PDB file of all heavy atoms in Angstrom:
ATOM      1  N   ALA A   1     -84.504  19.811  46.661  1.00  0.00           N
ATOM      2  CA  ALA A   1     -83.453  18.810  46.795  1.00  0.00           C
ATOM      3  C   ALA A   1     -83.270  18.068  45.472  1.00  0.00           C
ATOM      4  O   ALA A   1     -82.143  17.801  45.039  1.00  0.00           O
ATOM      5  CB  ALA A   1     -83.794  17.813  47.910  1.00  0.00           C
ATOM      6  N   VAL A   2     -84.375  17.694  44.825  1.00  0.00           N
ATOM      7  CA  VAL A   2     -84.292  17.013  43.541  1.00  0.00           C
ATOM      8  C   VAL A   2     -83.676  17.921  42.492  1.00  0.00           C
ATOM      9  O   VAL A   2     -82.781  17.504  41.716  1.00  0.00           O
ATOM     10  CB  VAL A   2     -85.694  16.548  43.076  1.00  0.00           C
ATOM     11  CG1 VAL A   2     -85.632  16.044  41.632  1.00  0.00           C
ATOM     12  CG2 VAL A   2     -86.203  15.442  43.987  1.00  0.00           C
ATOM     13  N   LEU A   3     -84.074  19.172  42.459  1.00  0.00           N
ATOM     14  CA  LEU A   3     -83.509  20.109  41.489  1.00  0.00           C
ATOM     15  C   LEU A   3     -82.023  20.321  41.681  1.00  0.00           C
ATOM     16  O   LEU A   3     -81.280  20.501  40.709  1.00  0.00           O
ATOM     17  CB  LEU A   3     -84.265  21.430  41.551  1.00  0.00           C
ATOM     18  CG  LEU A   3     -85.724  21.410  41.069  1.00  0.00           C
ATOM     19  CD1 LEU A   3     -86.401  22.735  41.333  1.00  0.00           C
ATOM     20  CD2 LEU A   3     -85.815  21.080  39.594  1.00  0.00           C
ATOM     21  N   ARG A   4     -81.591  20.347  42.923  1.00  0.00           N
ATOM     22  CA  ARG A   4     -80.141  20.479  43.187  1.00  0.00           C
ATOM     23  C   ARG A   4     -79.402  19.283  42.567  1.00  0.00           C
ATOM     24  O   ARG A   4     -78.328  19.463  41.993  1.00  0.00           O
ATOM     25  CB  ARG A   4     -79.859  20.551  44.678  1.00  0.00           C
ATOM     26  CG  ARG A   4     -80.101  21.912  45.291  1.00  0.00           C
ATOM     27  CD  ARG A   4     -79.466  22.036  46.658  1.00  0.00           C
ATOM     28  NE  ARG A   4     -80.026  21.112  47.634  1.00  0.00           N
ATOM     29  CZ  ARG A   4     -81.076  21.418  48.420  1.00  0.00           C
ATOM     30  NH1 ARG A   4     -81.689  22.578  48.298  1.00  0.00           N
ATOM     31  NH2 ARG A   4     -81.542  20.554  49.289  1.00  0.00           N
ATOM     32  N   ARG A   5     -79.970  18.101  42.730  1.00  0.00           N
ATOM     33  CA  ARG A   5     -79.293  16.898  42.151  1.00  0.00           C
ATOM     34  C   ARG A   5     -79.240  16.994  40.645  1.00  0.00           C
ATOM     35  O   ARG A   5     -78.285  16.438  40.038  1.00  0.00           O
ATOM     36  CB  ARG A   5     -80.069  15.636  42.561  1.00  0.00           C
ATOM     37  CG  ARG A   5     -80.146  15.384  44.031  1.00  0.00           C
ATOM     38  CD  ARG A   5     -80.389  13.924  44.347  1.00  0.00           C
ATOM     39  NE  ARG A   5     -81.502  13.338  43.661  1.00  0.00           N
ATOM     40  CZ  ARG A   5     -82.748  13.339  44.128  1.00  0.00           C
ATOM     41  NH1 ARG A   5     -83.016  13.947  45.257  1.00  0.00           N
ATOM     42  NH2 ARG A   5     -83.717  12.733  43.444  1.00  0.00           N
ATOM     43  N   PHE A   6     -80.188  17.651  40.033  1.00  0.00           N
ATOM     44  CA  PHE A   6     -80.238  17.723  38.583  1.00  0.00           C
ATOM     45  C   PHE A   6     -79.534  18.980  38.044  1.00  0.00           C
ATOM     46  O   PHE A   6     -79.568  19.245  36.852  1.00  0.00           O
ATOM     47  CB  PHE A   6     -81.682  17.680  38.100  1.00  0.00           C
ATOM     48  CG  PHE A   6     -82.272  16.298  38.076  1.00  0.00           C
ATOM     49  CD1 PHE A   6     -82.433  15.567  39.245  1.00  0.00           C
ATOM     50  CD2 PHE A   6     -82.662  15.736  36.885  1.00  0.00           C
ATOM     51  CE1 PHE A   6     -82.979  14.294  39.204  1.00  0.00           C
ATOM     52  CE2 PHE A   6     -83.180  14.449  36.834  1.00  0.00           C
ATOM     53  CZ  PHE A   6     -83.365  13.743  38.008  1.00  0.00           C
ATOM     54  N   GLY A   7     -78.972  19.770  38.944  1.00  0.00           N
ATOM     55  CA  GLY A   7     -78.226  20.931  38.492  1.00  0.00           C
ATOM     56  C   GLY A   7     -79.058  22.137  38.179  1.00  0.00           C
ATOM     57  O   GLY A   7     -78.588  23.108  37.591  1.00  0.00           O
ATOM     58  N   HIS A   8     -80.367  22.139  38.596  1.00  0.00           N
ATOM     59  CA  HIS A   8     -81.202  23.295  38.406  1.00  0.00           C
ATOM     60  C   HIS A   8     -80.964  24.274  39.568  1.00  0.00           C
ATOM     61  O   HIS A   8     -80.264  23.971  40.526  1.00  0.00           O
ATOM     62  CB  HIS A   8     -82.694  22.896  38.357  1.00  0.00           C
ATOM     63  CG  HIS A   8     -83.029  22.144  37.133  1.00  0.00           C
ATOM     64  ND1 HIS A   8     -83.160  22.727  35.907  1.00  0.00           N
ATOM     65  CD2 HIS A   8     -83.277  20.815  36.939  1.00  0.00           C
ATOM     66  CE1 HIS A   8     -83.471  21.812  35.009  1.00  0.00           C
ATOM     67  NE2 HIS A   8     -83.555  20.653  35.609  1.00  0.00           N
ATOM     68  N   ALA A   9     -81.606  25.416  39.456  1.00  0.00           N
ATOM     69  CA  ALA A   9     -81.350  26.484  40.468  1.00  0.00           C
ATOM     70  C   ALA A   9     -82.004  26.206  41.799  1.00  0.00           C
ATOM     71  O   ALA A   9     -81.726  26.881  42.753  1.00  0.00           O
ATOM     72  CB  ALA A   9     -81.886  27.814  39.916  1.00  0.00           C
ATOM     73  N   ALA A  10     -82.870  25.214  41.842  1.00  0.00           N
ATOM     74  CA  ALA A  10     -83.542  24.842  43.109  1.00  0.00           C
ATOM     75  C   ALA A  10     -84.509  25.889  43.575  1.00  0.00           C
ATOM     76  O   ALA A  10     -84.761  26.061  44.767  1.00  0.00           O
ATOM     77  CB  ALA A  10     -82.532  24.515  44.213  1.00  0.00           C
ATOM     78  N   GLY A  11     -85.056  26.681  42.635  1.00  0.00           N
ATOM     79  CA  GLY A  11     -86.083  27.638  43.000  1.00  0.00           C
ATOM     80  C   GLY A  11     -85.529  29.001  43.324  1.00  0.00           C
ATOM     81  O   GLY A  11     -84.359  29.299  43.125  1.00  0.00           O
ATOM     82  N   PRO A  12     -86.356  29.879  43.881  1.00  0.00           N
ATOM     83  CA  PRO A  12     -85.989  31.263  44.057  1.00  0.00           C
ATOM     84  C   PRO A  12     -84.920  31.509  45.100  1.00  0.00           C
ATOM     85  O   PRO A  12     -84.403  32.606  45.163  1.00  0.00           O
ATOM     86  CB  PRO A  12     -87.338  31.900  44.475  1.00  0.00           C
ATOM     87  CG  PRO A  12     -88.129  30.770  45.045  1.00  0.00           C
ATOM     88  CD  PRO A  12     -87.742  29.571  44.243  1.00  0.00           C
ATOM     89  N   ASP A  13     -84.556  30.535  45.876  1.00  0.00           N
ATOM     90  CA  ASP A  13     -83.497  30.752  46.859  1.00  0.00           C
ATOM     91  C   ASP A  13     -82.130  30.672  46.252  1.00  0.00           C
ATOM     92  O   ASP A  13     -81.115  30.833  46.941  1.00  0.00           O
ATOM     93  CB  ASP A  13     -83.609  29.721  47.996  1.00  0.00           C
ATOM     94  CG  ASP A  13     -84.738  30.061  48.945  1.00  0.00           C
ATOM     95  OD1 ASP A  13     -85.317  31.146  48.836  1.00  0.00           O
ATOM     96  OD2 ASP A  13     -85.065  29.196  49.766  1.00  0.00           O
ATOM     97  N   GLY A  14     -82.072  30.354  44.938  1.00  0.00           N
ATOM     98  CA  GLY A  14     -80.771  30.365  44.277  1.00  0.00           C
ATOM     99  C   GLY A  14     -80.189  28.963  44.169  1.00  0.00           C
ATOM    100  O   GLY A  14     -80.838  27.983  44.466  1.00  0.00           O
ATOM    101  N   PRO A  15     -78.908  28.852  43.773  1.00  0.00           N
ATOM    102  CA  PRO A  15     -78.298  27.567  43.528  1.00  0.00           C
ATOM    103  C   PRO A  15     -78.190  26.719  44.775  1.00  0.00           C
ATOM    104  O   PRO A  15     -78.122  27.200  45.874  1.00  0.00           O
ATOM    105  CB  PRO A  15     -76.889  27.958  43.005  1.00  0.00           C
ATOM    106  CG  PRO A  15     -76.990  29.382  42.592  1.00  0.00           C
ATOM    107  CD  PRO A  15     -78.030  30.004  43.476  1.00  0.00           C
ATOM    108  N   GLY A  16     -78.128  25.423  44.529  1.00  0.00           N
ATOM    109  CA  GLY A  16     -77.911  24.483  45.621  1.00  0.00           C
ATOM    110  C   GLY A  16     -76.441  24.180  45.744  1.00  0.00           C
ATOM    111  O   GLY A  16     -75.600  25.038  45.502  1.00  0.00           O
ATOM    112  N   ARG A  17     -76.117  22.931  46.079  1.00  0.00           N
ATOM    113  CA  ARG A  17     -74.724  22.604  46.352  1.00  0.00           C
ATOM    114  C   ARG A  17     -73.882  22.534  45.103  1.00  0.00           C
ATOM    115  O   ARG A  17     -72.675  22.513  45.170  1.00  0.00           O
ATOM    116  CB  ARG A  17     -74.678  21.239  47.068  1.00  0.00           C
ATOM    117  CG  ARG A  17     -75.327  21.232  48.417  1.00  0.00           C
ATOM    118  CD  ARG A  17     -75.159  19.904  49.089  1.00  0.00           C
ATOM    119  NE  ARG A  17     -75.555  18.815  48.199  1.00  0.00           N
ATOM    120  CZ  ARG A  17     -75.392  17.541  48.487  1.00  0.00           C
ATOM    121  NH1 ARG A  17     -74.779  17.200  49.586  1.00  0.00           N
ATOM    122  NH2 ARG A  17     -75.776  16.594  47.670  1.00  0.00           N
ATOM    123  N   GLY A  18     -74.511  22.494  43.918  1.00  0.00           N
ATOM    124  CA  GLY A  18     -73.767  22.349  42.682  1.00  0.00           C
ATOM    125  C   GLY A  18     -74.290  21.192  41.887  1.00  0.00           C
ATOM    126  O   GLY A  18     -74.921  20.286  42.415  1.00  0.00           O
ATOM    127  N   SER A  19     -74.030  21.221  40.611  1.00  0.00           N
ATOM    128  CA  SER A  19     -74.549  20.200  39.739  1.00  0.00           C
ATOM    129  C   SER A  19     -73.772  18.896  39.896  1.00  0.00           C
ATOM    130  O   SER A  19     -72.702  18.848  40.493  1.00  0.00           O
ATOM    131  CB  SER A  19     -74.401  20.674  38.281  1.00  0.00           C
ATOM    132  OG  SER A  19     -73.047  20.708  37.902  1.00  0.00           O
ATOM    133  N   ALA A  20     -74.371  17.835  39.376  1.00  0.00           N
ATOM    134  CA  ALA A  20     -73.694  16.538  39.410  1.00  0.00           C
ATOM    135  C   ALA A  20     -72.363  16.615  38.696  1.00  0.00           C
ATOM    136  O   ALA A  20     -71.397  15.987  39.087  1.00  0.00           O
ATOM    137  CB  ALA A  20     -74.584  15.474  38.805  1.00  0.00           C
ATOM    138  N   GLU A  21     -72.324  17.395  37.597  1.00  0.00           N
ATOM    139  CA  GLU A  21     -71.084  17.524  36.836  1.00  0.00           C
ATOM    140  C   GLU A  21     -69.999  18.154  37.698  1.00  0.00           C
ATOM    141  O   GLU A  21     -68.842  17.743  37.681  1.00  0.00           O
ATOM    142  CB  GLU A  21     -71.324  18.363  35.571  1.00  0.00           C
ATOM    143  CG  GLU A  21     -72.169  17.657  34.535  1.00  0.00           C
ATOM    144  CD  GLU A  21     -73.661  17.860  34.743  1.00  0.00           C
ATOM    145  OE1 GLU A  21     -74.035  18.320  35.837  1.00  0.00           O
ATOM    146  OE2 GLU A  21     -74.427  17.499  33.840  1.00  0.00           O
ATOM    147  N   GLU A  22     -70.370  19.181  38.453  1.00  0.00           N
ATOM    148  CA  GLU A  22     -69.392  19.876  39.294  1.00  0.00           C
ATOM    149  C   GLU A  22     -68.870  18.938  40.391  1.00  0.00           C
ATOM    150  O   GLU A  22     -67.668  18.907  40.692  1.00  0.00           O
ATOM    151  CB  GLU A  22     -70.019  21.097  39.916  1.00  0.00           C
ATOM    152  CG  GLU A  22     -70.306  22.185  38.885  1.00  0.00           C
ATOM    153  CD  GLU A  22     -71.135  23.340  39.467  1.00  0.00           C
ATOM    154  OE1 GLU A  22     -71.834  23.076  40.494  1.00  0.00           O
ATOM    155  OE2 GLU A  22     -71.124  24.425  38.888  1.00  0.00           O
ATOM    156  N   GLU A  23     -69.804  18.187  41.024  1.00  0.00           N
ATOM    157  CA  GLU A  23     -69.393  17.274  42.077  1.00  0.00           C
ATOM    158  C   GLU A  23     -68.538  16.148  41.541  1.00  0.00           C
ATOM    159  O   GLU A  23     -67.623  15.676  42.177  1.00  0.00           O
ATOM    160  CB  GLU A  23     -70.613  16.746  42.821  1.00  0.00           C
ATOM    161  CG  GLU A  23     -71.354  17.840  43.566  1.00  0.00           C
ATOM    162  CD  GLU A  23     -72.575  17.303  44.297  1.00  0.00           C
ATOM    163  OE1 GLU A  23     -72.743  16.075  44.341  1.00  0.00           O
ATOM    164  OE2 GLU A  23     -73.345  18.115  44.822  1.00  0.00           O
ATOM    165  N   ALA A  24     -68.873  15.709  40.300  1.00  0.00           N
ATOM    166  CA  ALA A  24     -68.115  14.605  39.716  1.00  0.00           C
ATOM    167  C   ALA A  24     -66.723  15.023  39.356  1.00  0.00           C
ATOM    168  O   ALA A  24     -65.816  14.193  39.208  1.00  0.00           O
ATOM    169  CB  ALA A  24     -68.843  14.108  38.474  1.00  0.00           C
ATOM    170  N   GLY A  25     -66.475  16.335  39.199  1.00  0.00           N
ATOM    171  CA  GLY A  25     -65.157  16.788  38.845  1.00  0.00           C
ATOM    172  C   GLY A  25     -64.102  16.383  39.832  1.00  0.00           C
ATOM    173  O   GLY A  25     -62.910  16.250  39.473  1.00  0.00           O
TER     174      GLY A  25
END
């Protein structure tokens, strides 16, 4: 969950909801 907020891949399951930059768009 923290990694998703920071725009990291969130581990081996792949990307999370998207980076803060993407959501801020």
